[in-house]
Protein backbone atom coordinates (compact mmCIF):
# COMPACT_ATOMS: atom_id res chain seq x y z
CA MET A 1 -16.72 -10.99 30.74
CA ASN A 2 -16.38 -13.70 28.19
CA THR A 3 -12.96 -14.52 27.56
CA PHE A 4 -13.27 -15.40 24.10
CA PHE A 5 -15.52 -14.26 21.06
CA GLU A 6 -16.33 -17.40 19.08
CA CYS A 7 -16.58 -16.44 15.47
CA GLY A 8 -16.95 -19.28 13.01
CA ARG A 9 -13.57 -20.59 12.44
CA TYR A 10 -11.94 -18.11 14.64
CA ARG A 11 -11.62 -17.73 18.38
CA PHE A 12 -10.71 -14.20 19.33
CA VAL A 13 -9.15 -13.48 22.65
CA LEU A 14 -10.79 -10.51 24.44
CA ASP A 15 -9.27 -10.08 27.82
CA ALA A 16 -5.53 -10.96 27.89
CA VAL A 17 -3.11 -8.32 28.80
CA ASP A 18 -1.92 -7.89 25.26
CA SER A 19 -5.38 -8.41 23.45
CA LYS A 20 -6.57 -5.46 21.23
CA PRO A 21 -9.89 -4.27 20.01
CA LEU A 22 -10.87 -6.12 16.94
CA VAL A 23 -11.21 -4.24 13.86
CA MET A 24 -14.06 -4.98 11.42
CA GLY A 25 -13.76 -3.59 7.99
CA ILE A 26 -16.66 -2.35 6.24
CA LEU A 27 -17.18 -3.91 2.54
CA ASN A 28 -20.24 -2.58 0.98
CA VAL A 29 -20.99 -4.05 -2.29
CA THR A 30 -24.04 -1.77 -2.78
CA PRO A 31 -24.68 1.22 -5.12
CA ASP A 32 -26.19 3.52 -2.36
CA SER A 33 -24.34 3.20 1.00
CA PHE A 34 -23.72 6.54 2.60
CA SER A 35 -19.99 6.56 2.59
CA ASP A 36 -18.70 4.16 -0.21
CA GLY A 37 -21.69 3.32 -2.17
CA GLY A 38 -20.80 2.16 -5.58
CA ASN A 39 -17.02 1.93 -5.01
CA TYR A 40 -17.00 -1.76 -4.68
CA ARG A 41 -20.01 -3.34 -6.67
CA PHE A 42 -17.95 -5.00 -9.03
CA LEU A 43 -16.04 -8.23 -7.82
CA ASP A 44 -12.46 -7.13 -8.76
CA ASP A 45 -13.06 -3.95 -6.87
CA ALA A 46 -14.34 -5.72 -3.73
CA ILE A 47 -11.50 -8.19 -3.71
CA SER A 48 -8.91 -5.50 -4.09
CA ARG A 49 -10.50 -3.49 -1.00
CA ALA A 50 -10.47 -6.69 0.96
CA GLU A 51 -6.97 -7.41 0.13
CA GLN A 52 -5.92 -3.74 1.15
CA MET A 53 -7.80 -4.36 4.41
CA ILE A 54 -5.87 -7.47 5.10
CA ALA A 55 -2.69 -5.64 4.38
CA ASP A 56 -3.87 -2.88 6.85
CA GLY A 57 -4.46 -5.33 9.81
CA VAL A 58 -8.07 -6.09 9.65
CA ASP A 59 -9.61 -8.73 11.81
CA ILE A 60 -13.03 -9.25 10.39
CA ILE A 61 -14.35 -8.27 7.04
CA ASP A 62 -17.94 -7.30 6.99
CA ILE A 63 -19.75 -7.73 3.68
CA GLY A 64 -22.96 -5.79 2.99
CA GLY A 65 -25.38 -6.10 0.14
CA GLU A 66 -28.04 -3.69 1.15
CA SER A 67 -27.59 -0.14 2.42
CA THR A 68 -29.03 0.75 5.77
CA ARG A 69 -28.42 4.30 5.53
CA PRO A 70 -31.17 6.67 6.74
CA GLY A 71 -33.97 6.65 4.24
CA ALA A 72 -32.80 3.50 2.46
CA SER A 73 -35.28 1.15 0.90
CA SER A 74 -34.87 -2.65 1.16
CA VAL A 75 -33.82 -4.78 -1.79
CA SER A 76 -35.04 -8.22 -2.50
CA VAL A 77 -33.42 -11.64 -1.54
CA ASP A 78 -32.47 -12.28 -4.86
CA GLU A 79 -30.68 -8.96 -5.42
CA GLU A 80 -28.94 -9.18 -2.15
CA LEU A 81 -27.57 -12.60 -2.82
CA HIS A 82 -26.55 -11.62 -6.29
CA ARG A 83 -24.54 -8.86 -4.76
CA VAL A 84 -22.82 -10.62 -1.91
CA MET A 85 -22.37 -14.33 -2.67
CA PRO A 86 -19.62 -14.04 -5.20
CA VAL A 87 -17.69 -11.95 -2.75
CA ILE A 88 -18.20 -14.41 -0.11
CA PHE A 89 -16.90 -17.24 -2.10
CA ALA A 90 -14.05 -15.11 -3.18
CA LEU A 91 -12.91 -14.07 0.31
CA ARG A 92 -13.94 -17.07 2.39
CA ASP A 93 -10.29 -18.44 2.46
CA CYS A 94 -8.51 -15.12 2.70
CA GLY A 95 -7.17 -15.77 6.36
CA LYS A 96 -9.60 -13.51 7.83
CA ALA A 97 -13.07 -13.98 9.44
CA ILE A 98 -15.82 -13.04 7.09
CA SER A 99 -19.04 -11.55 8.28
CA ILE A 100 -22.23 -10.91 6.40
CA ASP A 101 -24.40 -7.85 7.14
CA THR A 102 -27.87 -9.05 6.59
CA TYR A 103 -31.14 -9.40 8.38
CA LYS A 104 -32.82 -11.78 5.94
CA PRO A 105 -32.96 -15.40 6.99
CA GLU A 106 -32.64 -16.53 3.40
CA VAL A 107 -29.35 -14.64 2.88
CA MET A 108 -28.15 -15.93 6.47
CA ARG A 109 -28.51 -19.46 5.29
CA GLU A 110 -26.82 -19.29 2.06
CA ALA A 111 -23.98 -17.16 3.47
CA ILE A 112 -23.42 -19.91 6.34
CA ILE A 113 -23.56 -22.64 3.74
CA ALA A 114 -20.89 -20.67 1.86
CA GLY A 115 -18.58 -20.45 4.88
CA VAL A 116 -19.01 -17.07 6.66
CA ASP A 117 -17.84 -16.79 10.11
CA MET A 118 -20.31 -14.20 11.44
CA ILE A 119 -23.93 -12.72 10.97
CA ASN A 120 -24.38 -8.96 11.56
CA ASP A 121 -28.11 -8.34 11.81
CA VAL A 122 -29.16 -4.86 12.14
CA ARG A 123 -32.50 -6.03 13.51
CA GLY A 124 -30.86 -7.99 16.27
CA PHE A 125 -32.10 -11.53 15.43
CA SER A 126 -35.56 -10.20 16.52
CA SER A 127 -37.36 -12.65 13.98
CA HIS A 128 -38.04 -16.31 14.90
CA GLU A 129 -36.65 -17.18 11.36
CA ALA A 130 -33.52 -15.40 11.91
CA ARG A 131 -32.83 -17.14 15.13
CA GLN A 132 -33.58 -20.63 13.72
CA GLU A 133 -31.10 -20.13 10.83
CA VAL A 134 -28.41 -19.12 13.33
CA ALA A 135 -29.11 -21.34 16.30
CA HIS A 136 -26.84 -24.28 15.48
CA ALA A 137 -24.70 -22.78 12.97
CA ASP A 138 -20.86 -22.23 13.64
CA VAL A 139 -20.95 -18.53 13.24
CA GLY A 140 -20.51 -15.55 15.60
CA LEU A 141 -23.59 -13.12 15.91
CA CYS A 142 -23.80 -9.37 16.10
CA VAL A 143 -27.06 -8.14 17.81
CA MET A 144 -27.84 -4.58 17.01
CA HIS A 145 -30.42 -2.12 18.29
CA MET A 146 -32.52 -0.14 15.83
CA GLN A 147 -35.51 1.89 16.34
CA ASN A 148 -37.94 1.59 13.41
CA LEU A 149 -36.36 0.79 9.96
CA PRO A 150 -33.83 2.67 7.72
CA LEU A 151 -36.67 4.05 5.70
CA ASN A 152 -37.99 6.04 8.65
CA MET A 153 -35.73 5.55 11.59
CA GLN A 154 -34.43 9.25 11.60
CA PHE A 155 -37.54 10.79 11.09
CA ALA A 156 -38.18 11.71 14.84
CA PRO A 157 -36.17 9.25 17.11
CA ALA A 158 -37.70 9.24 20.76
CA TYR A 159 -36.95 7.57 24.08
CA ASP A 160 -37.77 8.08 27.77
CA ASN A 161 -34.19 7.02 28.22
CA VAL A 162 -32.25 5.47 25.33
CA ASN A 163 -29.72 3.60 27.64
CA ASP A 164 -32.61 1.98 29.49
CA GLU A 165 -34.35 1.04 26.32
CA VAL A 166 -31.36 -0.50 24.66
CA THR A 167 -30.71 -2.28 27.73
CA GLY A 168 -34.08 -3.73 27.70
CA TYR A 169 -33.72 -4.61 24.16
CA PHE A 170 -30.52 -6.62 24.62
CA LEU A 171 -31.96 -8.47 27.56
CA GLN A 172 -34.82 -9.72 25.45
CA ARG A 173 -32.70 -10.57 22.44
CA LEU A 174 -30.17 -12.43 24.52
CA ALA A 175 -32.93 -14.24 26.43
CA GLU A 176 -34.41 -15.43 23.01
CA LEU A 177 -30.94 -16.49 21.75
CA ASP A 178 -30.31 -18.54 24.98
CA ALA A 179 -33.76 -20.21 24.29
CA VAL A 180 -32.58 -21.68 21.10
CA GLY A 181 -29.35 -22.76 22.39
CA VAL A 182 -26.92 -19.97 21.10
CA ALA A 183 -23.70 -19.87 23.36
CA ARG A 184 -23.22 -16.46 24.79
CA THR A 185 -19.56 -16.80 23.64
CA ARG A 186 -20.83 -16.52 20.13
CA VAL A 187 -22.54 -12.85 20.68
CA CYS A 188 -21.46 -9.47 20.61
CA LEU A 189 -23.71 -6.38 21.05
CA ASP A 190 -24.06 -3.24 18.94
CA PRO A 191 -26.12 -0.35 20.31
CA GLY A 192 -26.73 0.83 16.79
CA PHE A 193 -25.26 4.42 16.82
CA GLY A 194 -27.30 6.35 14.28
CA PHE A 195 -29.99 3.72 13.95
CA GLY A 196 -32.96 5.56 15.07
CA LYS A 197 -31.16 8.00 17.46
CA THR A 198 -30.34 11.68 17.62
CA LEU A 199 -26.95 13.05 18.26
CA GLU A 200 -27.92 13.28 22.02
CA HIS A 201 -28.93 9.70 21.89
CA ASN A 202 -25.70 8.69 20.43
CA ILE A 203 -23.50 10.83 22.83
CA SER A 204 -25.53 9.39 25.81
CA MET A 205 -24.74 5.82 24.75
CA MET A 206 -21.17 6.51 24.18
CA ARG A 207 -20.87 7.72 27.57
CA HIS A 208 -22.74 4.55 28.84
CA LEU A 209 -20.51 1.90 26.79
CA SER A 210 -18.66 0.82 29.96
CA VAL A 211 -22.06 0.06 31.73
CA PHE A 212 -23.37 -1.76 28.62
CA GLN A 213 -20.06 -3.97 28.88
CA ASP A 214 -20.41 -4.59 32.53
CA THR A 215 -24.06 -5.49 32.39
CA PHE A 216 -24.19 -8.17 29.55
CA GLY A 217 -20.40 -9.56 29.75
CA ALA A 218 -20.80 -10.04 25.86
CA PRO A 219 -18.24 -7.78 23.95
CA ILE A 220 -19.50 -4.37 22.76
CA LEU A 221 -19.21 -3.54 19.12
CA VAL A 222 -19.10 0.10 18.06
CA GLY A 223 -19.76 1.45 14.51
CA VAL A 224 -19.59 5.24 14.31
CA SER A 225 -17.18 5.41 11.36
CA ARG A 226 -17.89 8.48 9.19
CA LYS A 227 -21.68 8.70 10.45
CA SER A 228 -23.67 11.77 10.62
CA MET A 229 -23.15 12.19 14.42
CA ILE A 230 -19.43 12.64 13.52
CA GLY A 231 -20.55 15.18 10.96
CA ASP A 232 -22.88 16.91 13.32
CA ILE A 233 -20.03 17.51 15.79
CA VAL A 234 -17.24 18.34 13.31
CA GLY A 235 -19.29 20.06 10.65
CA ARG A 236 -17.61 18.22 7.67
CA PRO A 237 -18.79 16.01 4.77
CA VAL A 238 -18.53 12.22 4.94
CA GLU A 239 -15.20 12.06 3.14
CA GLN A 240 -13.80 14.41 5.77
CA ARG A 241 -14.62 12.69 9.01
CA LEU A 242 -11.67 10.45 9.51
CA ALA A 243 -10.17 12.33 12.56
CA GLY A 244 -13.57 12.60 14.28
CA SER A 245 -14.20 8.90 13.72
CA LEU A 246 -10.89 7.96 15.10
CA ALA A 247 -11.50 10.17 18.33
CA ALA A 248 -14.82 8.37 18.85
CA ALA A 249 -13.28 5.01 18.26
CA LEU A 250 -10.44 5.63 20.86
CA TRP A 251 -13.02 6.91 23.31
CA ALA A 252 -15.05 3.62 22.85
CA VAL A 253 -11.96 1.44 23.28
CA ASN A 254 -11.18 3.22 26.60
CA GLN A 255 -14.73 2.63 27.70
CA GLY A 256 -14.24 -1.13 27.10
CA ALA A 257 -15.63 -1.64 23.47
CA LYS A 258 -14.06 -4.80 22.12
CA LEU A 259 -14.80 -4.46 18.30
CA LEU A 260 -14.83 -1.40 15.95
CA ARG A 261 -16.62 -1.28 12.70
CA VAL A 262 -14.90 0.96 10.52
CA HIS A 263 -14.19 2.20 6.83
CA ASP A 264 -10.67 3.24 7.50
CA VAL A 265 -8.80 0.32 8.57
CA ALA A 266 -5.14 1.17 8.51
CA GLU A 267 -5.61 4.41 10.53
CA THR A 268 -7.73 2.77 13.11
CA VAL A 269 -5.27 0.06 13.56
CA ASP A 270 -2.34 2.65 13.97
CA ALA A 271 -4.57 4.56 16.46
CA ILE A 272 -5.06 1.76 18.52
CA LYS A 273 -1.54 0.70 18.49
CA VAL A 274 -0.35 3.89 19.77
CA TRP A 275 -3.10 4.29 22.35
CA GLN A 276 -2.27 0.69 23.76
CA LYS A 277 1.49 1.42 23.74
CA ILE A 278 1.00 4.36 25.86
CA LEU A 279 -1.53 2.77 28.09
CA ASN A 280 0.69 -0.39 28.57
């Protein structure tokens, strides 16, 4: 596996004896995200949330200006930029890596100019335009798998074999990024839990994480925090899914995941510390 993850201004060590999984904190500046929609729409609230995540031990702050929850509609480039750019400018010198959660090449371009360290694309840089924007930029990339689009991805997800199809997708995306000169050390991979998958598909991918990690070498990012797969298992509403989310996060770490994308930073950081202390 790659020794480092090159993430803009930051180089994260991945395989040292004392290295820990990276915790990516979710900062949605949207009115309609499934868990925290509307909580951080205003700049002061977003900054306060980021400051709390920093105090809690976050490694990367992932700013999102468009909801990708099941059934969500897209927003315009102008609206997304209006939401995210003030937050990027406010946080770019906060001492932590800043990620932008977007699939729009125009938003990628402006965010890179503004100084973000990472682009997190739910469409996996599948468009030529997106690849061109990031090809020679000094940013880390998160390549995510999604079947269909948020508006319809959960209508009837179907695969012959979800792990084989996700593997094939990653192989294609990595080849396309290689072709435009993106160093593999800049890339992490997200299987896309809940993005066009049933609970059975999600569980199958969780059990396959170590194989994904071994197959690609690139670090695997897991984002299951508060998602419906947790709710389906524990039977609790979104605001009561912390314990289930932590259980899934620790399973992912045990299977080799190197990044965790979460809402609950402090709790995740503490869980990892205890797990690693016992392990080591």
